[in-house]
Amino acid sequence: MAKLRGLIWILVTYLIGTSSARDYQCSLQENQLCIFRSVQLSSADQLNQVTFSSAGSSPRNVKFESSSMVSIPTAVFKKLSSVETFDGGNSGIKNLMSSTFMDASKLRELNLTNNKISLLRNDLFVGATKLNVLDFSQNSISEVQENAFNGLKQLKVLKLNNNQIANLSPNVFSQNTALEEVDLHGNSLSKLDDAQFAACSDLVSLNVSHNALQKFDLRQFLRDWSVDSIDVSFNRLKAVSIPKNLRKLVASNNQIQMVESLGKDPSLIFLRLSHNKLTSVDQVPSFNKLITLDLSYNAIESFDFSSVTKYRNLILLKLDGNRISTITNSLTSDWTYLKYVHLSHNQLTRLDMDVLRTLPRIITLNLSYNKMTEFSAKKLSDKFPVLVRLMLEGNDFRCDKIGELVKELKYAPTEYKSTAEQCKEGERLLGGICCK
């Protein structure tokens, strides 16, 4: 009788366990997409008991919506062996085990953004060697173990932005030789190794902005083919060296006082160095192909237009928010490349447009929010025939000093007028210009 009771107890336990197992099924949609909705897996036991299936042929794309899972069920890849893209974003996932992707041999894209993952452990992607895209953005990742991305020799895009990563092993990307795009912005990185990306010979885009980097050696990107873009903004860099093959550098909101060019015939076409500690345009070396130069919100006090002719193809120059009180022009011949000049929020008290006489092709000139009380612009249409926008709002013009200016602008094709709402207290609008 005791044996019979024991057998009955085992049978009952088995039936209870079996009854708790659940099969989630989806119908195949367009593009072989299979969407699982309202999947609730809050424990390891539930993960082990659940199964997934699809009505019809095996899907290539799987997505979870309105779901909550502590981890990715291995049954997904066991039962749906043809899955190439997996979207488990915003699913409450906390843990990823080394066996998670053991059967994901065809997986190419993995999206796990906006979850609660804190650790990427060693050999995490064993079995998923065809991965091209990994998105772990907006998680709580604080540790990436040295061999986390081992075996991912086809990985091209890696997004680790908006996490809590403070350190990365120098060898963490050593096997990811096909990487083209890496996003690490919004972490807590204080250091990156001088050869952190040395193995990533195909890298063309890197974002390490919004970290705490005090030093980052860009020499590791010096090679014979181009790098499209590097963003190191919002860090604590004091110097930056620009490789000849880099096309775009964003280095705003640092503490940069020194800029260096590495190699001959640089490819740089876009350079943003706003919100740093530069005191002169001369601190930025020559870049023959440069089109956009942003030096706004530095500590520049004076400026001569001849200082930017070393950028032979420069079209846009931004010097807003400096301390410029004096503008000069020692050019003796016309320079027609420069089209857009921004000098707002400086310390100019007066300006004669004759200082721009050798820049006849200017289209936009922004002089707003300076301290100008007078402004001279004789024969504006003749000297600057393509000037279509002149911004003068926010200055301290005296009405008795701008009569000739108002007459000159009245017949010019240039848009310049302010509105009464833009005038400061005690000012009035005279011919579209606020004055007192």
Protein backbone atom coordinates (compact mmCIF):
# COMPACT_ATOMS: atom_id res chain seq x y z
CA MET A 1 0.00 0.00 0.00
CA ALA A 2 2.85 2.38 0.82
CA LYS A 3 4.41 1.69 -2.58
CA LEU A 4 1.09 2.36 -4.30
CA ARG A 5 0.73 5.72 -2.51
CA GLY A 6 4.26 6.65 -3.60
CA LEU A 7 3.48 5.85 -7.22
CA ILE A 8 0.28 7.88 -7.06
CA TRP A 9 2.19 10.87 -5.60
CA ILE A 10 4.80 10.73 -8.38
CA LEU A 11 2.05 10.53 -11.02
CA VAL A 12 0.17 13.48 -9.53
CA THR A 13 3.37 15.56 -9.36
CA TYR A 14 4.14 14.77 -12.98
CA LEU A 15 0.64 15.68 -14.12
CA ILE A 16 0.76 19.00 -12.24
CA GLY A 17 4.10 19.84 -13.79
CA THR A 18 2.89 18.86 -17.21
CA SER A 19 -0.28 20.90 -16.88
CA SER A 20 1.76 24.04 -16.12
CA ALA A 21 3.66 23.77 -19.39
CA ARG A 22 2.43 26.13 -22.08
CA ASP A 23 2.77 26.34 -25.82
CA TYR A 24 2.80 29.81 -27.37
CA GLN A 25 1.79 29.80 -31.00
CA CYS A 26 1.75 32.52 -33.62
CA SER A 27 0.46 32.87 -37.14
CA LEU A 28 2.98 33.69 -39.79
CA GLN A 29 2.60 37.24 -41.12
CA GLU A 30 4.18 39.15 -44.00
CA ASN A 31 7.96 38.94 -44.36
CA GLN A 32 7.83 35.64 -42.47
CA LEU A 33 7.29 37.54 -39.20
CA CYS A 34 6.06 35.69 -36.13
CA ILE A 35 4.79 37.85 -33.24
CA PHE A 36 4.32 36.39 -29.77
CA ARG A 37 2.15 38.54 -27.53
CA SER A 38 1.68 38.63 -23.75
CA VAL A 39 4.30 35.99 -22.98
CA GLN A 40 4.75 35.84 -19.20
CA LEU A 41 7.78 33.90 -17.93
CA SER A 42 8.79 34.97 -14.43
CA SER A 43 10.81 31.96 -13.27
CA ALA A 44 13.42 29.48 -14.48
CA ASP A 45 10.88 26.66 -14.21
CA GLN A 46 8.50 28.43 -16.57
CA LEU A 47 11.36 29.04 -19.01
CA ASN A 48 12.17 25.34 -19.07
CA GLN A 49 8.58 24.20 -19.56
CA VAL A 50 7.43 26.63 -22.25
CA THR A 51 7.37 25.80 -25.96
CA PHE A 52 6.92 27.93 -29.06
CA SER A 53 5.48 27.05 -32.42
CA SER A 54 4.25 28.64 -35.60
CA ALA A 55 1.23 27.81 -37.69
CA GLY A 56 2.70 27.11 -41.08
CA SER A 57 6.34 27.17 -42.10
CA SER A 58 9.12 28.08 -39.70
CA PRO A 59 9.44 31.92 -39.40
CA ARG A 60 12.58 33.87 -40.18
CA ASN A 61 11.71 36.81 -37.93
CA VAL A 62 10.46 36.61 -34.34
CA LYS A 63 9.17 39.45 -32.20
CA PHE A 64 7.82 39.61 -28.64
CA GLU A 65 5.22 42.26 -27.75
CA SER A 66 3.67 43.14 -24.38
CA SER A 67 5.72 40.36 -22.82
CA SER A 68 7.69 39.87 -19.60
CA MET A 69 10.48 37.29 -19.49
CA VAL A 70 13.34 36.90 -17.03
CA SER A 71 15.44 35.48 -19.85
CA ILE A 72 15.17 34.35 -23.47
CA PRO A 73 13.67 30.84 -23.61
CA THR A 74 16.05 28.46 -25.38
CA ALA A 75 12.97 26.72 -26.78
CA VAL A 76 12.52 29.59 -29.25
CA PHE A 77 15.60 28.61 -31.22
CA LYS A 78 15.13 24.87 -30.68
CA LYS A 79 11.62 24.83 -32.11
CA LEU A 80 11.99 27.67 -34.62
CA SER A 81 15.30 26.76 -36.18
CA SER A 82 15.12 29.21 -39.11
CA VAL A 83 14.99 32.42 -37.02
CA GLU A 84 17.28 35.13 -38.45
CA THR A 85 16.05 38.17 -36.51
CA PHE A 86 14.95 38.18 -32.88
CA ASP A 87 13.28 41.24 -31.33
CA GLY A 88 12.89 40.99 -27.57
CA GLY A 89 13.05 44.68 -26.83
CA ASN A 90 11.19 46.02 -23.79
CA SER A 91 10.50 42.54 -22.41
CA GLY A 92 11.90 42.82 -18.87
CA ILE A 93 14.78 40.43 -19.62
CA LYS A 94 17.34 40.33 -16.79
CA ASN A 95 19.66 37.41 -17.49
CA LEU A 96 21.29 35.77 -20.50
CA MET A 97 22.84 32.34 -20.03
CA SER A 98 25.73 30.90 -22.02
CA SER A 99 23.38 28.28 -23.48
CA THR A 100 20.75 30.80 -24.62
CA PHE A 101 21.88 30.92 -28.25
CA MET A 102 23.24 27.40 -28.58
CA ASP A 103 20.65 26.56 -31.26
CA ALA A 104 20.55 30.00 -32.92
CA SER A 105 22.76 29.00 -35.83
CA LYS A 106 20.92 31.19 -38.34
CA LEU A 107 20.45 34.26 -36.14
CA ARG A 108 21.72 37.45 -37.78
CA GLU A 109 20.05 40.28 -35.83
CA LEU A 110 19.35 40.42 -32.10
CA ASN A 111 17.44 43.34 -30.57
CA LEU A 112 17.32 43.40 -26.77
CA THR A 113 17.01 47.14 -26.24
CA ASN A 114 15.29 48.57 -23.17
CA ASN A 115 15.55 45.52 -20.93
CA LYS A 116 17.17 44.97 -17.51
CA ILE A 117 20.30 43.04 -18.47
CA SER A 118 23.28 43.79 -16.21
CA LEU A 119 25.94 41.30 -17.38
CA LEU A 120 27.27 40.06 -20.71
CA ARG A 121 29.13 36.90 -19.72
CA ASN A 122 31.96 35.08 -21.49
CA ASP A 123 31.10 32.97 -24.56
CA LEU A 124 27.53 34.25 -24.46
CA PHE A 125 26.93 33.78 -28.18
CA VAL A 126 28.18 30.24 -28.68
CA GLY A 127 26.04 28.84 -31.49
CA ALA A 128 25.14 32.24 -32.97
CA THR A 129 28.25 32.82 -35.04
CA LYS A 130 26.36 34.44 -37.95
CA LEU A 131 25.23 37.47 -35.93
CA ASN A 132 25.57 40.76 -37.85
CA VAL A 133 23.70 43.15 -35.54
CA LEU A 134 23.57 43.28 -31.73
CA ASP A 135 21.48 45.90 -29.92
CA PHE A 136 21.84 46.03 -26.12
CA SER A 137 21.05 49.73 -25.80
CA GLN A 138 19.15 51.06 -22.77
CA ASN A 139 19.79 48.19 -20.40
CA SER A 140 21.60 48.16 -17.04
CA ILE A 141 24.82 46.57 -18.24
CA SER A 142 27.68 47.27 -15.86
CA GLU A 143 29.99 44.39 -16.82
CA VAL A 144 31.07 43.09 -20.21
CA GLN A 145 33.39 40.13 -19.71
CA GLU A 146 36.50 39.88 -21.87
CA ASN A 147 35.26 37.01 -24.04
CA ALA A 148 31.61 38.05 -24.25
CA PHE A 149 31.72 38.54 -28.03
CA ASN A 150 33.98 35.61 -28.85
CA GLY A 151 33.18 33.85 -32.10
CA LEU A 152 31.29 36.79 -33.61
CA LYS A 153 33.54 37.25 -36.63
CA GLN A 154 30.63 38.46 -38.80
CA LEU A 155 29.37 41.08 -36.34
CA LYS A 156 29.03 44.48 -38.06
CA VAL A 157 26.88 46.60 -35.75
CA LEU A 158 27.16 46.69 -31.94
CA LYS A 159 25.00 48.99 -29.83
CA LEU A 160 25.83 49.22 -26.13
CA ASN A 161 24.71 52.79 -25.58
CA ASN A 162 22.87 54.05 -22.51
CA ASN A 163 24.12 51.45 -20.07
CA GLN A 164 26.37 51.60 -16.98
CA ILE A 165 29.64 50.30 -18.43
CA ALA A 166 32.67 51.75 -16.63
CA ASN A 167 35.42 49.50 -17.99
CA LEU A 168 36.13 47.43 -21.09
CA SER A 169 38.87 44.87 -21.47
CA PRO A 170 41.44 45.88 -24.14
CA ASN A 171 40.71 42.56 -25.88
CA VAL A 172 36.92 42.57 -25.73
CA PHE A 173 36.63 43.27 -29.49
CA SER A 174 39.69 41.26 -30.54
CA GLN A 175 37.66 38.71 -32.52
CA ASN A 176 35.18 41.16 -34.02
CA THR A 177 37.22 42.03 -37.08
CA ALA A 178 34.15 42.81 -39.23
CA LEU A 179 32.75 45.53 -36.94
CA GLU A 180 31.67 48.62 -38.88
CA GLU A 181 29.61 50.52 -36.30
CA VAL A 182 30.02 50.68 -32.51
CA ASP A 183 27.86 52.81 -30.21
CA LEU A 184 28.99 53.21 -26.60
CA HIS A 185 27.52 56.61 -25.83
CA GLY A 186 25.84 57.26 -22.50
CA ASN A 187 27.96 54.98 -20.33
CA SER A 188 30.48 55.65 -17.52
CA LEU A 189 33.71 54.91 -19.37
CA SER A 190 36.70 56.76 -17.95
CA LYS A 191 39.29 55.00 -20.11
CA LEU A 192 39.61 53.16 -23.40
CA ASP A 193 42.79 51.33 -24.32
CA ASP A 194 45.10 52.87 -26.92
CA ALA A 195 44.48 49.78 -29.06
CA GLN A 196 40.85 49.17 -28.01
CA PHE A 197 39.63 48.98 -31.60
CA ALA A 198 42.87 47.91 -33.30
CA ALA A 199 41.39 44.59 -34.46
CA CYS A 200 38.32 46.31 -35.95
CA SER A 201 39.86 47.14 -39.30
CA ASP A 202 36.48 47.76 -40.99
CA LEU A 203 35.19 50.22 -38.39
CA VAL A 204 33.68 53.35 -40.01
CA SER A 205 31.48 54.76 -37.24
CA LEU A 206 32.18 55.09 -33.51
CA ASN A 207 30.21 56.92 -30.83
CA VAL A 208 31.73 57.19 -27.35
CA SER A 209 30.04 60.47 -26.41
CA HIS A 210 28.54 61.18 -22.98
CA ASN A 211 31.12 59.22 -21.02
CA ALA A 212 33.93 60.34 -18.68
CA LEU A 213 36.94 59.84 -20.94
CA GLN A 214 39.98 61.93 -20.03
CA LYS A 215 42.11 60.50 -22.81
CA PHE A 216 41.32 58.63 -26.01
CA ASP A 217 44.02 57.94 -28.57
CA LEU A 218 42.63 58.19 -32.11
CA ARG A 219 45.93 57.03 -33.60
CA GLN A 220 44.53 53.50 -33.54
CA PHE A 221 42.25 54.54 -36.43
CA LEU A 222 45.13 55.74 -38.61
CA ARG A 223 44.99 53.54 -41.72
CA ASP A 224 44.84 53.70 -45.53
CA TRP A 225 41.02 53.66 -45.81
CA SER A 226 38.57 56.18 -44.44
CA VAL A 227 36.68 56.27 -41.15
CA ASP A 228 33.37 58.08 -41.64
CA SER A 229 32.58 59.39 -38.17
CA ILE A 230 33.86 59.48 -34.59
CA ASP A 231 31.90 61.18 -31.80
CA VAL A 232 33.79 61.90 -28.56
CA SER A 233 31.58 64.76 -27.37
CA PHE A 234 30.61 65.28 -23.73
CA ASN A 235 33.75 63.77 -22.21
CA ARG A 236 36.74 65.30 -20.38
CA LEU A 237 39.33 65.35 -23.15
CA LYS A 238 41.99 68.07 -23.10
CA ALA A 239 43.56 67.24 -26.45
CA VAL A 240 42.55 65.49 -29.63
CA SER A 241 44.63 64.06 -32.49
CA ILE A 242 42.80 63.68 -35.80
CA PRO A 243 43.84 60.83 -38.14
CA LYS A 244 44.25 61.78 -41.80
CA ASN A 245 41.62 59.24 -42.88
CA LEU A 246 38.82 60.51 -40.60
CA ARG A 247 36.01 62.40 -42.37
CA LYS A 248 33.90 63.65 -39.46
CA LEU A 249 34.83 64.39 -35.85
CA VAL A 250 32.42 65.59 -33.18
CA ALA A 251 34.37 66.61 -30.07
CA SER A 252 32.14 69.23 -28.47
CA ASN A 253 31.68 69.73 -24.73
CA ASN A 254 35.14 68.68 -23.61
CA GLN A 255 38.08 70.68 -22.22
CA ILE A 256 40.14 70.65 -25.42
CA GLN A 257 43.04 73.10 -25.66
CA MET A 258 45.14 71.29 -28.27
CA VAL A 259 44.26 69.89 -31.70
CA GLU A 260 46.67 67.84 -33.78
CA SER A 261 46.51 66.49 -37.32
CA LEU A 262 47.97 63.04 -37.95
CA GLY A 263 49.31 62.36 -41.44
CA LYS A 264 49.38 64.20 -44.75
CA ASP A 265 46.44 65.16 -46.97
CA PRO A 266 43.71 64.82 -44.29
CA SER A 267 40.21 63.73 -45.37
CA LEU A 268 38.34 65.69 -42.67
CA ILE A 269 35.24 67.52 -43.99
CA PHE A 270 33.35 68.15 -40.71
CA LEU A 271 34.84 69.29 -37.41
CA ARG A 272 32.82 70.26 -34.33
CA LEU A 273 34.85 71.60 -31.41
CA SER A 274 32.18 73.72 -29.73
CA HIS A 275 32.12 74.17 -25.94
CA ASN A 276 35.85 73.67 -25.37
CA LYS A 277 38.75 75.88 -24.21
CA LEU A 278 40.34 77.02 -27.46
CA THR A 279 41.52 80.64 -27.54
CA SER A 280 42.33 81.01 -31.24
CA VAL A 281 41.40 79.61 -34.64
CA ASP A 282 45.15 79.16 -35.16
CA GLN A 283 45.06 76.28 -32.68
CA VAL A 284 43.21 74.20 -35.26
CA PRO A 285 45.59 72.90 -37.95
CA SER A 286 45.01 73.00 -41.69
CA PHE A 287 42.44 70.64 -43.23
CA ASN A 288 42.24 71.25 -46.96
CA LYS A 289 38.95 69.40 -47.46
CA LEU A 290 37.13 70.84 -44.46
CA ILE A 291 33.62 72.11 -45.26
CA THR A 292 32.17 72.73 -41.78
CA LEU A 293 34.10 74.16 -38.82
CA ASP A 294 32.30 74.70 -35.51
CA LEU A 295 34.33 76.55 -32.86
CA SER A 296 31.35 78.06 -31.06
CA TYR A 297 31.44 78.58 -27.30
CA ASN A 298 35.18 78.58 -26.78
CA ALA A 299 37.35 81.43 -25.43
CA ILE A 300 38.30 83.21 -28.69
CA GLU A 301 38.60 86.98 -28.26
CA SER A 302 39.63 88.20 -31.71
CA PHE A 303 39.31 86.90 -35.25
CA ASP A 304 40.80 87.64 -38.67
CA PHE A 305 39.17 86.08 -41.72
CA SER A 306 42.57 85.22 -43.16
CA SER A 307 42.96 82.61 -40.40
CA VAL A 308 40.41 80.31 -42.04
CA THR A 309 41.71 80.41 -45.62
CA LYS A 310 43.89 77.41 -44.74
CA TYR A 311 40.62 75.48 -44.95
CA ARG A 312 40.41 75.90 -48.70
CA ASN A 313 36.91 74.42 -49.11
CA LEU A 314 35.30 75.84 -45.98
CA ILE A 315 31.63 76.73 -46.47
CA LEU A 316 30.22 76.98 -42.92
CA LEU A 317 32.03 78.73 -40.05
CA LYS A 318 30.49 78.85 -36.56
CA LEU A 319 32.08 81.13 -33.95
CA ASP A 320 28.99 81.83 -31.85
CA GLY A 321 29.28 82.24 -28.10
CA ASN A 322 32.94 83.23 -27.88
CA ARG A 323 34.41 86.48 -26.52
CA ILE A 324 35.10 88.10 -29.87
CA SER A 325 35.19 91.87 -29.65
CA THR A 326 37.36 92.53 -32.71
CA ILE A 327 37.01 91.24 -36.27
CA THR A 328 39.63 92.06 -38.90
CA ASN A 329 40.36 90.98 -42.46
CA SER A 330 43.89 90.96 -43.85
CA LEU A 331 42.91 89.17 -47.06
CA THR A 332 44.01 91.02 -50.19
CA SER A 333 41.95 89.02 -52.71
CA ASP A 334 38.44 87.57 -52.85
CA TRP A 335 37.75 84.25 -51.19
CA THR A 336 34.53 82.80 -52.55
CA TYR A 337 34.13 79.46 -50.76
CA LEU A 338 32.82 80.72 -47.42
CA LYS A 339 29.01 80.99 -47.52
CA TYR A 340 27.71 80.87 -43.95
CA VAL A 341 29.24 82.82 -41.04
CA HIS A 342 27.85 82.65 -37.51
CA LEU A 343 29.09 85.19 -34.94
CA SER A 344 26.14 85.46 -32.57
CA HIS A 345 26.48 85.83 -28.78
CA ASN A 346 29.88 87.54 -28.86
CA GLN A 347 31.16 90.92 -27.60
CA LEU A 348 31.02 93.00 -30.80
CA THR A 349 30.06 96.64 -30.17
CA ARG A 350 30.16 97.82 -33.79
CA LEU A 351 30.81 96.37 -37.23
CA ASP A 352 31.40 97.69 -40.72
CA MET A 353 30.42 95.22 -43.45
CA ASP A 354 33.50 96.43 -45.32
CA VAL A 355 35.46 94.00 -43.13
CA LEU A 356 33.88 91.24 -45.21
CA ARG A 357 34.72 92.90 -48.52
CA THR A 358 36.80 89.94 -49.77
CA LEU A 359 33.99 87.47 -49.01
CA PRO A 360 31.45 88.40 -51.69
CA ARG A 361 29.60 85.06 -51.81
CA ILE A 362 28.31 85.04 -48.24
CA ILE A 363 24.70 83.82 -48.08
CA THR A 364 24.02 84.01 -44.32
CA LEU A 365 25.60 86.26 -41.69
CA ASN A 366 24.50 85.86 -38.08
CA LEU A 367 25.44 88.79 -35.81
CA SER A 368 22.58 88.43 -33.35
CA TYR A 369 22.95 88.89 -29.61
CA ASN A 370 26.13 90.90 -29.58
CA LYS A 371 26.48 94.37 -28.04
CA MET A 372 26.46 96.42 -31.21
CA THR A 373 25.20 99.97 -31.00
CA GLU A 374 25.88 100.73 -34.67
CA PHE A 375 26.35 98.80 -37.89
CA SER A 376 27.51 100.06 -41.29
CA ALA A 377 26.51 98.35 -44.54
CA LYS A 378 27.05 100.66 -47.53
CA LYS A 379 26.23 99.32 -51.01
CA LEU A 380 25.20 96.03 -49.47
CA SER A 381 23.53 94.63 -52.59
CA ASP A 382 26.52 95.44 -54.80
CA LYS A 383 29.16 94.04 -52.46
CA PHE A 384 27.19 91.00 -51.28
CA PRO A 385 24.79 90.08 -54.09
CA VAL A 386 23.83 86.66 -52.69
CA LEU A 387 23.39 87.66 -49.03
CA VAL A 388 19.86 86.48 -48.27
CA ARG A 389 19.86 86.37 -44.46
CA LEU A 390 21.32 88.92 -42.05
CA MET A 391 20.52 88.29 -38.37
CA LEU A 392 20.81 91.38 -36.15
CA GLU A 393 18.31 90.78 -33.33
CA GLY A 394 19.34 90.99 -29.68
CA ASN A 395 21.87 93.85 -30.06
CA ASP A 396 21.94 97.32 -28.45
CA PHE A 397 21.38 99.49 -31.51
CA ARG A 398 20.80 103.19 -31.01
CA CYS A 399 18.03 104.52 -33.18
CA ASP A 400 20.00 107.66 -34.03
CA LYS A 401 22.88 105.53 -35.35
CA ILE A 402 21.06 103.18 -37.75
CA GLY A 403 19.16 105.55 -40.05
CA GLU A 404 21.49 104.90 -42.99
CA LEU A 405 21.41 101.16 -42.30
CA VAL A 406 17.62 101.06 -42.42
CA LYS A 407 17.64 102.88 -45.79
CA GLU A 408 20.27 100.53 -47.18
CA LEU A 409 18.43 97.39 -46.10
CA LYS A 410 15.09 98.65 -47.34
CA TYR A 411 16.08 98.09 -50.96
CA ALA A 412 18.32 95.07 -50.42
CA PRO A 413 17.09 91.52 -51.15
CA THR A 414 18.38 90.47 -47.74
CA GLU A 415 15.99 89.16 -45.09
CA TYR A 416 16.84 90.89 -41.81
CA LYS A 417 13.72 92.14 -40.03
CA SER A 418 13.00 91.46 -36.38
CA THR A 419 9.57 91.50 -34.77
CA ALA A 420 8.35 93.71 -31.94
CA GLU A 421 8.29 90.63 -29.69
CA GLN A 422 12.05 90.28 -30.16
CA CYS A 423 12.75 93.79 -28.92
CA LYS A 424 14.01 94.23 -25.38
CA GLU A 425 12.31 96.42 -22.80
CA GLY A 426 12.73 100.08 -23.67
CA GLU A 427 13.36 99.38 -27.37
CA ARG A 428 11.23 100.12 -30.41
CA LEU A 429 11.15 98.75 -33.91
CA LEU A 430 12.69 101.01 -36.54
CA GLY A 431 12.54 99.67 -40.09
CA GLY A 432 12.61 96.09 -38.79
CA ILE A 433 15.50 96.67 -36.37
CA CYS A 434 15.11 96.91 -32.59
CA CYS A 435 16.73 100.05 -31.17
CA LYS A 436 16.54 102.53 -28.33
